[in-house]
Amino acid sequence: MADRVCFLIPYFLTPFLVQSYITALAGANVAIPNITTDQSALLALKASISYDPHTILANNWSTNTSVCDWVGVTCGSRHLQVTALNLSYMGLDGTIPPHIGNLSFLVSLTIRNNSFHGSIPNELFRLHQLQFLNFGYNEFNGEMPSWIGLLTKLQHLAFFGNNFIGELPEMENLTMLTELNLSQNNFAGTISLTLFKCKQLQILDLGKNNFKGVVPREIGNLSMLTKLSLRDNNNEDFGALIEDEEEEAEPEDATLPGC
C-alpha cells in the first residue's frame, strides 16, 4: 500500500507543484545565501585586517548585534541582506578574503583610502549585482582580474592609486559603465579596443600609467564622455590627442542610490 501511495501522489500533482517538489528535493542539500552567510563573510574580512587604528571593526563588528547595524554596512529593506559595504578612510591594513564573494546581494563595495594589499581574490566574480566598485588609494598589486568584464551591472569602477600591472582585460560587456578610473598604477601595453564599446562612459581616467602607442581612433565612439585624462604615460605620443587638459581633480566617490 505504501508503494502505491508513493506512486499516486506524484501522478496527481499539478505541473507547478511537481516543479516545487523537484526543487525542494534538489535543494535539500544546497546552502541558500542568507544574512548568516553575509555575517560569516564579513567576519572573515574582519579577521583579515591586521591593523585597525581606530578599532572600528574590532569594537563594532560583533556577533552580539545585527550585521545590518555594523559600521559601514547597509542592508536592503526587501531581502535584509548586505547590499553595500563602505570602509573608506578608516586607515585599515589587510587583505580581501575570498569570502567576500559570498555577499550575493552586494551592489556597492567601497574601501578607498586604506592600506589593503595583495591581489583581488577571484571569488569576487560571483558579485553579479555589483554596480559600484571603488578600491582607490590602496596597495593592491598584480594584474587587473579578467573576470571584471563579467560584472555586467558595473557603473562605477575605480582602481586608481594602486600598484596594478599588465594590460587591461576585455571590457566590452560592461555596457552600463559610466565611470572608469584606473589612474596612478603601472598598467602597460596598448589599450584594448573593447574599452571603446562601453558607450555609456562619461569619465575615463587612464593617466599616470605606462600605456604606449597612440590613442585609438575608436575613442570617438564614446560620445557621452565629459572627462578624459591620458596624461603622464610611458610614451609621449600617447595622449597627444588631448590638448589643454584641465588640472587633474581628486576622484569622487560614487553615490549609491537608496537600497
C-alpha atoms as a PDB file:
ATOM      1  CA  MET A   1       0.000   0.000   0.000  1.00  0.00           C
ATOM      2  CA  ALA A   2       2.826   2.357   0.861  1.00  0.00           C
ATOM      3  CA  ASP A   3       4.370   1.789  -2.565  1.00  0.00           C
ATOM      4  CA  ARG A   4       1.039   2.597  -4.246  1.00  0.00           C
ATOM      5  CA  VAL A   5       0.626   5.856  -2.332  1.00  0.00           C
ATOM      6  CA  CYS A   6       4.119   6.983  -3.274  1.00  0.00           C
ATOM      7  CA  PHE A   7       3.180   6.358  -6.920  1.00  0.00           C
ATOM      8  CA  LEU A   8      -0.174   8.144  -6.817  1.00  0.00           C
ATOM      9  CA  ILE A   9       0.973  11.380  -5.166  1.00  0.00           C
ATOM     10  CA  PRO A  10       3.296  12.483  -7.976  1.00  0.00           C
ATOM     11  CA  TYR A  11       0.629  11.425 -10.547  1.00  0.00           C
ATOM     12  CA  PHE A  12      -1.950  13.905  -9.253  1.00  0.00           C
ATOM     13  CA  LEU A  13       0.445  16.795  -8.652  1.00  0.00           C
ATOM     14  CA  THR A  14      -0.095  19.817 -10.888  1.00  0.00           C
ATOM     15  CA  PRO A  15       2.887  20.896 -13.054  1.00  0.00           C
ATOM     16  CA  PHE A  16       3.545  23.775 -10.651  1.00  0.00           C
ATOM     17  CA  LEU A  17       3.635  21.515  -7.621  1.00  0.00           C
ATOM     18  CA  VAL A  18       5.780  18.996  -9.462  1.00  0.00           C
ATOM     19  CA  GLN A  19       8.329  21.721 -10.116  1.00  0.00           C
ATOM     20  CA  SER A  20       8.193  22.807  -6.469  1.00  0.00           C
ATOM     21  CA  TYR A  21       8.530  19.197  -5.379  1.00  0.00           C
ATOM     22  CA  ILE A  22      11.608  18.652  -7.555  1.00  0.00           C
ATOM     23  CA  THR A  23      13.119  21.965  -6.498  1.00  0.00           C
ATOM     24  CA  ALA A  24      12.656  21.110  -2.820  1.00  0.00           C
ATOM     25  CA  LEU A  25      14.349  17.767  -3.303  1.00  0.00           C
ATOM     26  CA  ALA A  26      17.184  19.245  -5.299  1.00  0.00           C
ATOM     27  CA  GLY A  27      17.744  21.998  -2.782  1.00  0.00           C
ATOM     28  CA  ALA A  28      17.644  19.823   0.288  1.00  0.00           C
ATOM     29  CA  ASN A  29      21.421  19.751   0.477  1.00  0.00           C
ATOM     30  CA  VAL A  30      22.139  23.144  -1.101  1.00  0.00           C
ATOM     31  CA  ALA A  31      23.039  26.116   1.100  1.00  0.00           C
ATOM     32  CA  ILE A  32      20.941  29.206   0.348  1.00  0.00           C
ATOM     33  CA  PRO A  33      22.698  32.555   0.947  1.00  0.00           C
ATOM     34  CA  ASN A  34      21.215  34.477   3.875  1.00  0.00           C
ATOM     35  CA  ILE A  35      22.231  37.007   6.496  1.00  0.00           C
ATOM     36  CA  THR A  36      24.230  34.301   8.282  1.00  0.00           C
ATOM     37  CA  THR A  37      26.262  33.807   5.117  1.00  0.00           C
ATOM     38  CA  ASP A  38      26.828  37.560   4.968  1.00  0.00           C
ATOM     39  CA  GLN A  39      27.884  37.648   8.606  1.00  0.00           C
ATOM     40  CA  SER A  40      30.438  34.881   8.037  1.00  0.00           C
ATOM     41  CA  ALA A  41      31.853  36.729   5.019  1.00  0.00           C
ATOM     42  CA  LEU A  42      32.261  39.981   6.953  1.00  0.00           C
ATOM     43  CA  LEU A  43      33.788  38.241   9.961  1.00  0.00           C
ATOM     44  CA  ALA A  44      36.324  36.682   7.578  1.00  0.00           C
ATOM     45  CA  LEU A  45      37.124  40.195   6.365  1.00  0.00           C
ATOM     46  CA  LYS A  46      37.497  41.400   9.956  1.00  0.00           C
ATOM     47  CA  ALA A  47      39.916  38.528  10.614  1.00  0.00           C
ATOM     48  CA  SER A  48      41.937  39.577   7.556  1.00  0.00           C
ATOM     49  CA  ILE A  49      42.507  43.083   8.948  1.00  0.00           C
ATOM     50  CA  SER A  50      45.959  43.299  10.524  1.00  0.00           C
ATOM     51  CA  TYR A  51      45.706  46.950  11.568  1.00  0.00           C
ATOM     52  CA  ASP A  52      42.577  48.820  12.672  1.00  0.00           C
ATOM     53  CA  PRO A  53      43.920  52.091  14.140  1.00  0.00           C
ATOM     54  CA  HIS A  54      40.571  53.351  15.375  1.00  0.00           C
ATOM     55  CA  THR A  55      39.372  49.875  16.468  1.00  0.00           C
ATOM     56  CA  ILE A  56      36.195  50.475  14.496  1.00  0.00           C
ATOM     57  CA  LEU A  57      35.723  46.915  13.318  1.00  0.00           C
ATOM     58  CA  ALA A  58      37.190  45.427  16.486  1.00  0.00           C
ATOM     59  CA  ASN A  59      34.632  47.192  18.672  1.00  0.00           C
ATOM     60  CA  ASN A  60      31.615  47.357  16.385  1.00  0.00           C
ATOM     61  CA  TRP A  61      31.543  44.214  14.262  1.00  0.00           C
ATOM     62  CA  SER A  62      30.239  41.849  16.925  1.00  0.00           C
ATOM     63  CA  THR A  63      28.010  38.788  16.730  1.00  0.00           C
ATOM     64  CA  ASN A  64      26.041  40.347  19.596  1.00  0.00           C
ATOM     65  CA  THR A  65      24.496  42.855  17.184  1.00  0.00           C
ATOM     66  CA  SER A  66      22.814  42.572  13.805  1.00  0.00           C
ATOM     67  CA  VAL A  67      25.093  42.692  10.765  1.00  0.00           C
ATOM     68  CA  CYS A  68      22.831  45.431   9.407  1.00  0.00           C
ATOM     69  CA  ASP A  69      23.824  47.642  12.361  1.00  0.00           C
ATOM     70  CA  TRP A  70      27.567  47.283  11.812  1.00  0.00           C
ATOM     71  CA  VAL A  71      29.574  50.342  10.826  1.00  0.00           C
ATOM     72  CA  GLY A  72      29.984  50.584   7.072  1.00  0.00           C
ATOM     73  CA  VAL A  73      27.279  48.018   6.318  1.00  0.00           C
ATOM     74  CA  THR A  74      23.972  48.697   4.591  1.00  0.00           C
ATOM     75  CA  CYS A  75      21.243  46.084   4.200  1.00  0.00           C
ATOM     76  CA  GLY A  76      18.407  46.061   1.711  1.00  0.00           C
ATOM     77  CA  SER A  77      14.885  46.516   3.052  1.00  0.00           C
ATOM     78  CA  ARG A  78      13.489  43.718   0.917  1.00  0.00           C
ATOM     79  CA  HIS A  79      15.893  40.816   1.448  1.00  0.00           C
ATOM     80  CA  LEU A  80      17.550  42.085   4.653  1.00  0.00           C
ATOM     81  CA  GLN A  81      20.960  41.144   3.286  1.00  0.00           C
ATOM     82  CA  VAL A  82      24.090  43.218   2.808  1.00  0.00           C
ATOM     83  CA  THR A  83      23.799  45.472  -0.245  1.00  0.00           C
ATOM     84  CA  ALA A  84      26.608  47.959   0.431  1.00  0.00           C
ATOM     85  CA  LEU A  85      29.955  47.894   2.234  1.00  0.00           C
ATOM     86  CA  ASN A  86      31.858  51.137   2.728  1.00  0.00           C
ATOM     87  CA  LEU A  87      35.090  51.030   4.748  1.00  0.00           C
ATOM     88  CA  SER A  88      36.704  54.092   3.178  1.00  0.00           C
ATOM     89  CA  TYR A  89      39.104  56.374   5.088  1.00  0.00           C
ATOM     90  CA  MET A  90      39.418  54.020   8.086  1.00  0.00           C
ATOM     91  CA  GLY A  91      43.185  53.531   7.867  1.00  0.00           C
ATOM     92  CA  LEU A  92      42.762  49.758   7.637  1.00  0.00           C
ATOM     93  CA  ASP A  93      45.598  47.431   6.678  1.00  0.00           C
ATOM     94  CA  GLY A  94      44.876  43.930   5.478  1.00  0.00           C
ATOM     95  CA  THR A  95      43.760  41.741   2.602  1.00  0.00           C
ATOM     96  CA  ILE A  96      40.435  40.924   0.984  1.00  0.00           C
ATOM     97  CA  PRO A  97      39.376  37.341   1.787  1.00  0.00           C
ATOM     98  CA  PRO A  98      37.629  35.184  -0.846  1.00  0.00           C
ATOM     99  CA  HIS A  99      34.555  35.001   1.415  1.00  0.00           C
ATOM    100  CA  ILE A 100      33.507  38.475   0.243  1.00  0.00           C
ATOM    101  CA  GLY A 101      32.387  36.759  -2.946  1.00  0.00           C
ATOM    102  CA  ASN A 102      29.530  35.258  -0.909  1.00  0.00           C
ATOM    103  CA  LEU A 103      27.806  38.636  -0.455  1.00  0.00           C
ATOM    104  CA  SER A 104      25.369  37.773  -3.223  1.00  0.00           C
ATOM    105  CA  PHE A 105      23.226  40.934  -2.895  1.00  0.00           C
ATOM    106  CA  LEU A 106      26.146  43.353  -2.801  1.00  0.00           C
ATOM    107  CA  VAL A 107      25.580  46.417  -5.003  1.00  0.00           C
ATOM    108  CA  SER A 108      28.368  48.685  -3.751  1.00  0.00           C
ATOM    109  CA  LEU A 109      31.850  47.838  -2.444  1.00  0.00           C
ATOM    110  CA  THR A 110      33.970  50.849  -1.471  1.00  0.00           C
ATOM    111  CA  ILE A 111      37.211  50.621   0.512  1.00  0.00           C
ATOM    112  CA  ARG A 112      39.164  53.611  -0.813  1.00  0.00           C
ATOM    113  CA  ASN A 113      41.962  55.342   1.125  1.00  0.00           C
ATOM    114  CA  ASN A 114      43.165  52.421   3.214  1.00  0.00           C
ATOM    115  CA  SER A 115      46.181  50.097   3.022  1.00  0.00           C
ATOM    116  CA  PHE A 116      44.632  46.923   1.652  1.00  0.00           C
ATOM    117  CA  HIS A 117      47.221  44.924  -0.272  1.00  0.00           C
ATOM    118  CA  GLY A 118      47.777  41.707  -2.174  1.00  0.00           C
ATOM    119  CA  SER A 119      45.710  40.603  -5.137  1.00  0.00           C
ATOM    120  CA  ILE A 120      41.949  40.710  -5.584  1.00  0.00           C
ATOM    121  CA  PRO A 121      40.502  37.221  -4.952  1.00  0.00           C
ATOM    122  CA  ASN A 122      38.877  35.542  -7.933  1.00  0.00           C
ATOM    123  CA  GLU A 123      35.811  34.687  -5.870  1.00  0.00           C
ATOM    124  CA  LEU A 124      34.615  38.272  -6.286  1.00  0.00           C
ATOM    125  CA  PHE A 125      33.477  37.354  -9.802  1.00  0.00           C
ATOM    126  CA  ARG A 126      30.330  35.989  -8.115  1.00  0.00           C
ATOM    127  CA  LEU A 127      29.193  39.517  -7.191  1.00  0.00           C
ATOM    128  CA  HIS A 128      26.857  39.775 -10.169  1.00  0.00           C
ATOM    129  CA  GLN A 129      24.739  42.552  -8.608  1.00  0.00           C
ATOM    130  CA  LEU A 130      27.718  44.868  -8.180  1.00  0.00           C
ATOM    131  CA  GLN A 131      27.264  48.369  -9.604  1.00  0.00           C
ATOM    132  CA  PHE A 132      29.901  50.380  -7.695  1.00  0.00           C
ATOM    133  CA  LEU A 133      33.436  49.105  -7.054  1.00  0.00           C
ATOM    134  CA  ASN A 134      35.988  51.513  -5.593  1.00  0.00           C
ATOM    135  CA  PHE A 135      39.388  50.242  -4.395  1.00  0.00           C
ATOM    136  CA  GLY A 136      41.108  53.605  -4.907  1.00  0.00           C
ATOM    137  CA  TYR A 137      44.248  54.581  -2.973  1.00  0.00           C
ATOM    138  CA  ASN A 138      45.234  51.227  -1.541  1.00  0.00           C
ATOM    139  CA  GLU A 139      48.214  48.947  -2.203  1.00  0.00           C
ATOM    140  CA  PHE A 140      46.762  46.201  -4.367  1.00  0.00           C
ATOM    141  CA  ASN A 141      49.115  44.621  -6.905  1.00  0.00           C
ATOM    142  CA  GLY A 142      49.152  42.073  -9.686  1.00  0.00           C
ATOM    143  CA  GLU A 143      47.088  42.230 -12.839  1.00  0.00           C
ATOM    144  CA  MET A 144      43.567  43.549 -13.057  1.00  0.00           C
ATOM    145  CA  PRO A 145      41.337  40.423 -12.905  1.00  0.00           C
ATOM    146  CA  SER A 146      39.968  39.270 -16.259  1.00  0.00           C
ATOM    147  CA  TRP A 147      36.604  38.465 -14.658  1.00  0.00           C
ATOM    148  CA  ILE A 148      35.944  42.183 -14.152  1.00  0.00           C
ATOM    149  CA  GLY A 149      34.387  42.023 -17.611  1.00  0.00           C
ATOM    150  CA  LEU A 150      31.765  39.592 -16.278  1.00  0.00           C
ATOM    151  CA  LEU A 151      30.311  42.105 -13.810  1.00  0.00           C
ATOM    152  CA  THR A 152      27.904  43.454 -16.384  1.00  0.00           C
ATOM    153  CA  LYS A 153      25.981  45.718 -13.995  1.00  0.00           C
ATOM    154  CA  LEU A 154      29.039  47.808 -13.106  1.00  0.00           C
ATOM    155  CA  GLN A 155      28.504  51.543 -13.442  1.00  0.00           C
ATOM    156  CA  HIS A 156      31.472  52.869 -11.466  1.00  0.00           C
ATOM    157  CA  LEU A 157      34.881  51.151 -11.444  1.00  0.00           C
ATOM    158  CA  ALA A 158      37.782  52.839  -9.635  1.00  0.00           C
ATOM    159  CA  PHE A 159      41.188  51.228  -9.033  1.00  0.00           C
ATOM    160  CA  PHE A 160      43.217  54.467  -9.009  1.00  0.00           C
ATOM    161  CA  GLY A 161      46.288  54.837  -6.801  1.00  0.00           C
ATOM    162  CA  ASN A 162      47.346  51.182  -6.515  1.00  0.00           C
ATOM    163  CA  ASN A 163      50.146  49.024  -7.921  1.00  0.00           C
ATOM    164  CA  PHE A 164      48.331  47.108 -10.654  1.00  0.00           C
ATOM    165  CA  ILE A 165      50.399  45.975 -13.626  1.00  0.00           C
ATOM    166  CA  GLY A 166      49.883  44.422 -17.039  1.00  0.00           C
ATOM    167  CA  GLU A 167      47.400  45.129 -19.774  1.00  0.00           C
ATOM    168  CA  LEU A 168      43.738  45.914 -19.322  1.00  0.00           C
ATOM    169  CA  PRO A 169      41.282  42.996 -19.578  1.00  0.00           C
ATOM    170  CA  GLU A 170      38.421  42.815 -22.058  1.00  0.00           C
ATOM    171  CA  MET A 171      35.606  45.162 -21.039  1.00  0.00           C
ATOM    172  CA  GLU A 172      33.196  45.102 -23.936  1.00  0.00           C
ATOM    173  CA  ASN A 173      30.430  43.587 -21.782  1.00  0.00           C
ATOM    174  CA  LEU A 174      30.463  46.498 -19.336  1.00  0.00           C
ATOM    175  CA  THR A 175      27.792  48.330 -21.295  1.00  0.00           C
ATOM    176  CA  MET A 176      26.429  50.145 -18.214  1.00  0.00           C
ATOM    177  CA  LEU A 177      29.800  51.578 -17.160  1.00  0.00           C
ATOM    178  CA  THR A 178      29.724  55.375 -16.777  1.00  0.00           C
ATOM    179  CA  GLU A 179      32.991  55.955 -14.881  1.00  0.00           C
ATOM    180  CA  LEU A 180      36.330  54.180 -15.178  1.00  0.00           C
ATOM    181  CA  ASN A 181      39.302  55.470 -13.182  1.00  0.00           C
ATOM    182  CA  LEU A 182      42.497  53.403 -13.387  1.00  0.00           C
ATOM    183  CA  SER A 183      44.950  56.275 -12.950  1.00  0.00           C
ATOM    184  CA  GLN A 184      48.150  56.150 -10.882  1.00  0.00           C
ATOM    185  CA  ASN A 185      49.008  52.495 -11.426  1.00  0.00           C
ATOM    186  CA  ASN A 186      51.526  50.599 -13.541  1.00  0.00           C
ATOM    187  CA  PHE A 187      49.260  49.390 -16.319  1.00  0.00           C
ATOM    188  CA  ALA A 188      51.114  48.908 -19.594  1.00  0.00           C
ATOM    189  CA  GLY A 189      50.701  47.986 -23.236  1.00  0.00           C
ATOM    190  CA  THR A 190      48.160  49.382 -25.626  1.00  0.00           C
ATOM    191  CA  ILE A 191      44.518  49.953 -24.790  1.00  0.00           C
ATOM    192  CA  SER A 192      42.171  47.216 -25.926  1.00  0.00           C
ATOM    193  CA  LEU A 193      39.642  48.445 -28.468  1.00  0.00           C
ATOM    194  CA  THR A 194      36.917  46.659 -26.484  1.00  0.00           C
ATOM    195  CA  LEU A 195      37.079  49.507 -23.961  1.00  0.00           C
ATOM    196  CA  PHE A 196      35.600  51.842 -26.538  1.00  0.00           C
ATOM    197  CA  LYS A 197      32.475  49.700 -26.760  1.00  0.00           C
ATOM    198  CA  CYS A 198      31.485  50.989 -23.307  1.00  0.00           C
ATOM    199  CA  LYS A 199      29.446  53.743 -24.876  1.00  0.00           C
ATOM    200  CA  GLN A 200      27.888  54.945 -21.623  1.00  0.00           C
ATOM    201  CA  LEU A 201      31.267  56.134 -20.332  1.00  0.00           C
ATOM    202  CA  GLN A 202      31.232  59.720 -19.092  1.00  0.00           C
ATOM    203  CA  ILE A 203      34.522  59.721 -17.158  1.00  0.00           C
ATOM    204  CA  LEU A 204      37.647  57.887 -18.336  1.00  0.00           C
ATOM    205  CA  ASP A 205      40.931  58.384 -16.481  1.00  0.00           C
ATOM    206  CA  LEU A 206      43.956  56.311 -17.509  1.00  0.00           C
ATOM    207  CA  GLY A 207      46.575  58.879 -16.544  1.00  0.00           C
ATOM    208  CA  LYS A 208      49.885  58.169 -14.796  1.00  0.00           C
ATOM    209  CA  ASN A 209      50.415  54.635 -16.095  1.00  0.00           C
ATOM    210  CA  ASN A 210      52.747  53.045 -18.635  1.00  0.00           C
ATOM    211  CA  PHE A 211      50.486  52.810 -21.660  1.00  0.00           C
ATOM    212  CA  LYS A 212      52.140  53.206 -25.033  1.00  0.00           C
ATOM    213  CA  GLY A 213      51.198  53.912 -28.607  1.00  0.00           C
ATOM    214  CA  VAL A 214      48.770  56.448 -29.972  1.00  0.00           C
ATOM    215  CA  VAL A 215      45.213  56.981 -28.841  1.00  0.00           C
ATOM    216  CA  PRO A 216      42.936  54.730 -30.945  1.00  0.00           C
ATOM    217  CA  ARG A 217      40.520  56.490 -33.252  1.00  0.00           C
ATOM    218  CA  GLU A 218      37.728  54.407 -31.723  1.00  0.00           C
ATOM    219  CA  ILE A 219      37.794  56.742 -28.743  1.00  0.00           C
ATOM    220  CA  GLY A 220      35.441  58.821 -30.836  1.00  0.00           C
ATOM    221  CA  ASN A 221      32.752  56.203 -30.152  1.00  0.00           C
ATOM    222  CA  LEU A 222      32.490  57.495 -26.579  1.00  0.00           C
ATOM    223  CA  SER A 223      30.067  60.258 -27.427  1.00  0.00           C
ATOM    224  CA  MET A 224      28.895  60.725 -23.811  1.00  0.00           C
ATOM    225  CA  LEU A 225      32.404  61.400 -22.477  1.00  0.00           C
ATOM    226  CA  THR A 226      32.714  64.544 -20.346  1.00  0.00           C
ATOM    227  CA  LYS A 227      36.154  63.928 -18.800  1.00  0.00           C
ATOM    228  CA  LEU A 228      39.140  62.205 -20.381  1.00  0.00           C
ATOM    229  CA  SER A 229      42.601  62.006 -18.833  1.00  0.00           C
ATOM    230  CA  LEU A 230      45.511  60.217 -20.514  1.00  0.00           C
ATOM    231  CA  ARG A 231      48.363  62.309 -19.175  1.00  0.00           C
ATOM    232  CA  ASP A 232      51.745  61.138 -17.881  1.00  0.00           C
ATOM    233  CA  ASN A 233      52.031  57.800 -19.621  1.00  0.00           C
ATOM    234  CA  ASN A 234      55.047  55.889 -20.953  1.00  0.00           C
ATOM    235  CA  ASN A 235      55.011  57.236 -24.490  1.00  0.00           C
ATOM    236  CA  GLU A 236      54.977  60.943 -25.271  1.00  0.00           C
ATOM    237  CA  ASP A 237      52.716  60.219 -28.253  1.00  0.00           C
ATOM    238  CA  PHE A 238      50.145  58.601 -26.007  1.00  0.00           C
ATOM    239  CA  GLY A 239      47.607  61.193 -25.030  1.00  0.00           C
ATOM    240  CA  ALA A 240      48.740  63.639 -27.710  1.00  0.00           C
ATOM    241  CA  LEU A 241      45.108  63.837 -28.759  1.00  0.00           C
ATOM    242  CA  ILE A 242      44.301  65.772 -25.611  1.00  0.00           C
ATOM    243  CA  GLU A 243      45.289  69.418 -25.510  1.00  0.00           C
ATOM    244  CA  ASP A 244      44.948  71.921 -22.692  1.00  0.00           C
ATOM    245  CA  GLU A 245      43.708  69.232 -20.358  1.00  0.00           C
ATOM    246  CA  GLU A 246      42.241  70.519 -17.129  1.00  0.00           C
ATOM    247  CA  GLU A 247      44.099  70.035 -13.877  1.00  0.00           C
ATOM    248  CA  GLU A 248      43.523  66.544 -12.502  1.00  0.00           C
ATOM    249  CA  ALA A 249      40.989  66.509  -9.680  1.00  0.00           C
ATOM    250  CA  GLU A 250      40.645  64.231  -6.688  1.00  0.00           C
ATOM    251  CA  PRO A 251      38.380  61.326  -7.740  1.00  0.00           C
ATOM    252  CA  GLU A 252      34.962  61.441  -6.080  1.00  0.00           C
ATOM    253  CA  ASP A 253      33.047  58.545  -4.590  1.00  0.00           C
ATOM    254  CA  ALA A 254      30.037  57.289  -6.451  1.00  0.00           C
ATOM    255  CA  THR A 255      26.706  57.912  -4.766  1.00  0.00           C
ATOM    256  CA  LEU A 256      24.773  54.760  -4.060  1.00  0.00           C
ATOM    257  CA  PRO A 257      21.008  55.012  -4.537  1.00  0.00           C
ATOM    258  CA  GLY A 258      18.946  54.037  -1.500  1.00  0.00           C
ATOM    259  CA  CYS A 259      18.633  50.271  -1.121  1.00  0.00           C
END
